[in-house]
Amino acid sequence: MWHDILLILIGLIIGLVIGFLLARMMMKKYMKKNPPINEKMIEAMMSSMGRKPSQKQVRQIMNQMNRYM
């Protein structure tokens, strides 16, 4: 009896871990393929704040964002 319950719990835990890892991998792949922000969006955001960004600044911001993804 306890043996059966233990096997069910172990199977549930293993399933949760595998599901979490697969979901994480798929989400990283999706975010890499479809980034939530691109260089045009950064330029528009900085322009709306009243400054014209250089290409170097835009690349620096993109590199910072990619580092944390």
N, C-alpha and C. Protein backbone atom coordinates (compact mmCIF):
# COMPACT_ATOMS: atom_id res chain seq x y z
N MET A 1 0.82 -1.20 0.00
CA MET A 1 0.00 0.00 0.00
C MET A 1 0.86 1.26 0.00
N TRP A 2 1.77 1.35 0.99
CA TRP A 2 2.64 2.52 1.05
C TRP A 2 3.58 2.57 -0.15
N HIS A 3 3.93 1.40 -0.60
CA HIS A 3 4.81 1.30 -1.76
C HIS A 3 4.14 1.92 -2.99
N ASP A 4 2.86 1.64 -3.16
CA ASP A 4 2.12 2.20 -4.31
C ASP A 4 2.01 3.72 -4.21
N ILE A 5 1.71 4.23 -3.04
CA ILE A 5 1.59 5.68 -2.85
C ILE A 5 2.94 6.35 -3.10
N LEU A 6 4.01 5.74 -2.61
CA LEU A 6 5.35 6.29 -2.81
C LEU A 6 5.70 6.34 -4.30
N LEU A 7 5.37 5.29 -5.04
CA LEU A 7 5.65 5.27 -6.49
C LEU A 7 4.85 6.35 -7.22
N ILE A 8 3.62 6.55 -6.82
CA ILE A 8 2.79 7.60 -7.44
C ILE A 8 3.38 8.97 -7.16
N LEU A 9 3.80 9.22 -5.93
CA LEU A 9 4.39 10.51 -5.58
C LEU A 9 5.70 10.75 -6.33
N ILE A 10 6.54 9.73 -6.42
CA ILE A 10 7.79 9.86 -7.15
C ILE A 10 7.52 10.13 -8.62
N GLY A 11 6.57 9.43 -9.21
CA GLY A 11 6.22 9.66 -10.60
C GLY A 11 5.68 11.06 -10.82
N LEU A 12 4.87 11.56 -9.88
CA LEU A 12 4.33 12.91 -9.98
C LEU A 12 5.44 13.96 -9.91
N ILE A 13 6.38 13.77 -8.99
CA ILE A 13 7.49 14.72 -8.84
C ILE A 13 8.37 14.71 -10.09
N ILE A 14 8.68 13.54 -10.61
CA ILE A 14 9.50 13.44 -11.82
C ILE A 14 8.77 14.10 -12.99
N GLY A 15 7.47 13.87 -13.10
CA GLY A 15 6.69 14.49 -14.17
C GLY A 15 6.68 16.00 -14.07
N LEU A 16 6.56 16.53 -12.86
CA LEU A 16 6.58 17.99 -12.67
C LEU A 16 7.93 18.59 -13.06
N VAL A 17 9.01 17.94 -12.66
CA VAL A 17 10.35 18.43 -12.98
C VAL A 17 10.57 18.41 -14.49
N ILE A 18 10.23 17.31 -15.14
CA ILE A 18 10.41 17.21 -16.59
C ILE A 18 9.52 18.23 -17.31
N GLY A 19 8.29 18.40 -16.85
CA GLY A 19 7.39 19.38 -17.44
C GLY A 19 7.92 20.79 -17.30
N PHE A 20 8.45 21.12 -16.12
CA PHE A 20 9.03 22.44 -15.89
C PHE A 20 10.21 22.69 -16.82
N LEU A 21 11.11 21.71 -16.93
CA LEU A 21 12.29 21.89 -17.77
C LEU A 21 11.91 22.03 -19.25
N LEU A 22 10.94 21.24 -19.71
CA LEU A 22 10.49 21.35 -21.10
C LEU A 22 9.84 22.70 -21.37
N ALA A 23 9.00 23.16 -20.46
CA ALA A 23 8.35 24.46 -20.63
C ALA A 23 9.37 25.58 -20.64
N ARG A 24 10.37 25.48 -19.78
CA ARG A 24 11.42 26.51 -19.72
C ARG A 24 12.22 26.54 -21.02
N MET A 25 12.56 25.36 -21.52
CA MET A 25 13.32 25.27 -22.77
C MET A 25 12.51 25.84 -23.94
N MET A 26 11.24 25.50 -24.00
CA MET A 26 10.40 26.01 -25.09
C MET A 26 10.23 27.52 -25.00
N MET A 27 10.09 28.05 -23.80
CA MET A 27 9.92 29.49 -23.62
C MET A 27 11.19 30.24 -24.02
N LYS A 28 12.36 29.72 -23.65
CA LYS A 28 13.62 30.35 -24.05
C LYS A 28 13.75 30.36 -25.57
N LYS A 29 13.40 29.25 -26.20
CA LYS A 29 13.47 29.16 -27.65
C LYS A 29 12.52 30.16 -28.30
N TYR A 30 11.31 30.27 -27.76
CA TYR A 30 10.32 31.23 -28.29
C TYR A 30 10.81 32.66 -28.13
N MET A 31 11.36 32.99 -26.96
CA MET A 31 11.83 34.35 -26.71
C MET A 31 13.03 34.70 -27.60
N LYS A 32 13.86 33.73 -27.89
CA LYS A 32 15.00 33.99 -28.77
C LYS A 32 14.51 34.23 -30.20
N LYS A 33 13.51 33.47 -30.62
CA LYS A 33 12.97 33.59 -31.96
C LYS A 33 12.12 34.84 -32.13
N ASN A 34 11.35 35.19 -31.10
CA ASN A 34 10.45 36.35 -31.13
C ASN A 34 10.73 37.25 -29.93
N PRO A 35 11.79 38.04 -30.00
CA PRO A 35 12.13 38.87 -28.84
C PRO A 35 11.01 39.88 -28.55
N PRO A 36 10.79 40.16 -27.28
CA PRO A 36 9.72 41.07 -26.92
C PRO A 36 10.00 42.53 -27.31
N ILE A 37 11.26 42.86 -27.54
CA ILE A 37 11.61 44.22 -27.92
C ILE A 37 12.74 44.16 -28.93
N ASN A 38 12.72 45.08 -29.89
CA ASN A 38 13.79 45.10 -30.89
C ASN A 38 14.40 46.50 -30.96
N GLU A 39 15.36 46.67 -31.86
CA GLU A 39 16.09 47.93 -31.93
C GLU A 39 15.18 49.10 -32.31
N LYS A 40 14.23 48.87 -33.19
CA LYS A 40 13.30 49.95 -33.58
C LYS A 40 12.49 50.42 -32.38
N MET A 41 12.07 49.49 -31.54
CA MET A 41 11.30 49.86 -30.35
C MET A 41 12.14 50.67 -29.38
N ILE A 42 13.41 50.32 -29.24
CA ILE A 42 14.30 51.06 -28.35
C ILE A 42 14.49 52.47 -28.88
N GLU A 43 14.72 52.60 -30.19
CA GLU A 43 14.88 53.93 -30.79
C GLU A 43 13.63 54.77 -30.59
N ALA A 44 12.46 54.18 -30.79
CA ALA A 44 11.20 54.92 -30.61
C ALA A 44 11.03 55.35 -29.16
N MET A 45 11.37 54.47 -28.23
CA MET A 45 11.22 54.79 -26.82
C MET A 45 12.14 55.96 -26.42
N MET A 46 13.39 55.90 -26.89
CA MET A 46 14.34 56.97 -26.54
C MET A 46 13.96 58.27 -27.24
N SER A 47 13.45 58.18 -28.46
CA SER A 47 13.02 59.38 -29.16
C SER A 47 11.82 60.02 -28.45
N SER A 48 10.94 59.22 -27.93
CA SER A 48 9.79 59.77 -27.22
C SER A 48 10.21 60.46 -25.92
N MET A 49 11.37 60.07 -25.39
CA MET A 49 11.88 60.73 -24.19
C MET A 49 12.69 61.98 -24.54
N GLY A 50 12.78 62.28 -25.82
CA GLY A 50 13.41 63.53 -26.22
C GLY A 50 14.87 63.44 -26.59
N ARG A 51 15.36 62.28 -26.90
CA ARG A 51 16.76 62.18 -27.31
C ARG A 51 16.90 61.23 -28.49
N LYS A 52 17.83 61.54 -29.35
CA LYS A 52 18.08 60.71 -30.53
C LYS A 52 19.24 59.78 -30.20
N PRO A 53 18.99 58.48 -30.08
CA PRO A 53 20.06 57.56 -29.70
C PRO A 53 20.97 57.24 -30.88
N SER A 54 22.25 57.02 -30.56
CA SER A 54 23.17 56.55 -31.59
C SER A 54 23.02 55.04 -31.74
N GLN A 55 23.52 54.51 -32.82
CA GLN A 55 23.44 53.06 -33.05
C GLN A 55 24.20 52.30 -31.97
N LYS A 56 25.29 52.87 -31.49
CA LYS A 56 26.08 52.24 -30.44
C LYS A 56 25.27 52.11 -29.15
N GLN A 57 24.53 53.16 -28.79
CA GLN A 57 23.70 53.11 -27.59
C GLN A 57 22.60 52.05 -27.73
N VAL A 58 22.00 51.98 -28.90
CA VAL A 58 20.94 51.00 -29.13
C VAL A 58 21.49 49.59 -29.01
N ARG A 59 22.67 49.35 -29.58
CA ARG A 59 23.29 48.02 -29.49
C ARG A 59 23.65 47.67 -28.05
N GLN A 60 24.12 48.67 -27.29
CA GLN A 60 24.46 48.42 -25.88
C GLN A 60 23.22 48.00 -25.09
N ILE A 61 22.11 48.67 -25.33
CA ILE A 61 20.87 48.33 -24.62
C ILE A 61 20.40 46.94 -25.03
N MET A 62 20.48 46.62 -26.32
CA MET A 62 20.08 45.30 -26.79
C MET A 62 20.96 44.21 -26.17
N ASN A 63 22.27 44.46 -26.10
CA ASN A 63 23.17 43.48 -25.48
C ASN A 63 22.85 43.27 -24.02
N GLN A 64 22.51 44.35 -23.30
CA GLN A 64 22.14 44.22 -21.89
C GLN A 64 20.87 43.40 -21.75
N MET A 65 19.91 43.63 -22.60
CA MET A 65 18.65 42.90 -22.51
C MET A 65 18.85 41.43 -22.86
N ASN A 66 19.68 41.15 -23.87
CA ASN A 66 19.93 39.76 -24.26
C ASN A 66 20.70 39.00 -23.19
N ARG A 67 21.50 39.71 -22.43
CA ARG A 67 22.28 39.07 -21.36
C ARG A 67 21.37 38.55 -20.26
N TYR A 68 20.26 39.23 -20.02
CA TYR A 68 19.37 38.82 -18.94
C TYR A 68 18.26 37.88 -19.39
N MET A 69 18.21 37.53 -20.65
CA MET A 69 17.18 36.61 -21.14
C MET A 69 17.70 35.20 -21.17
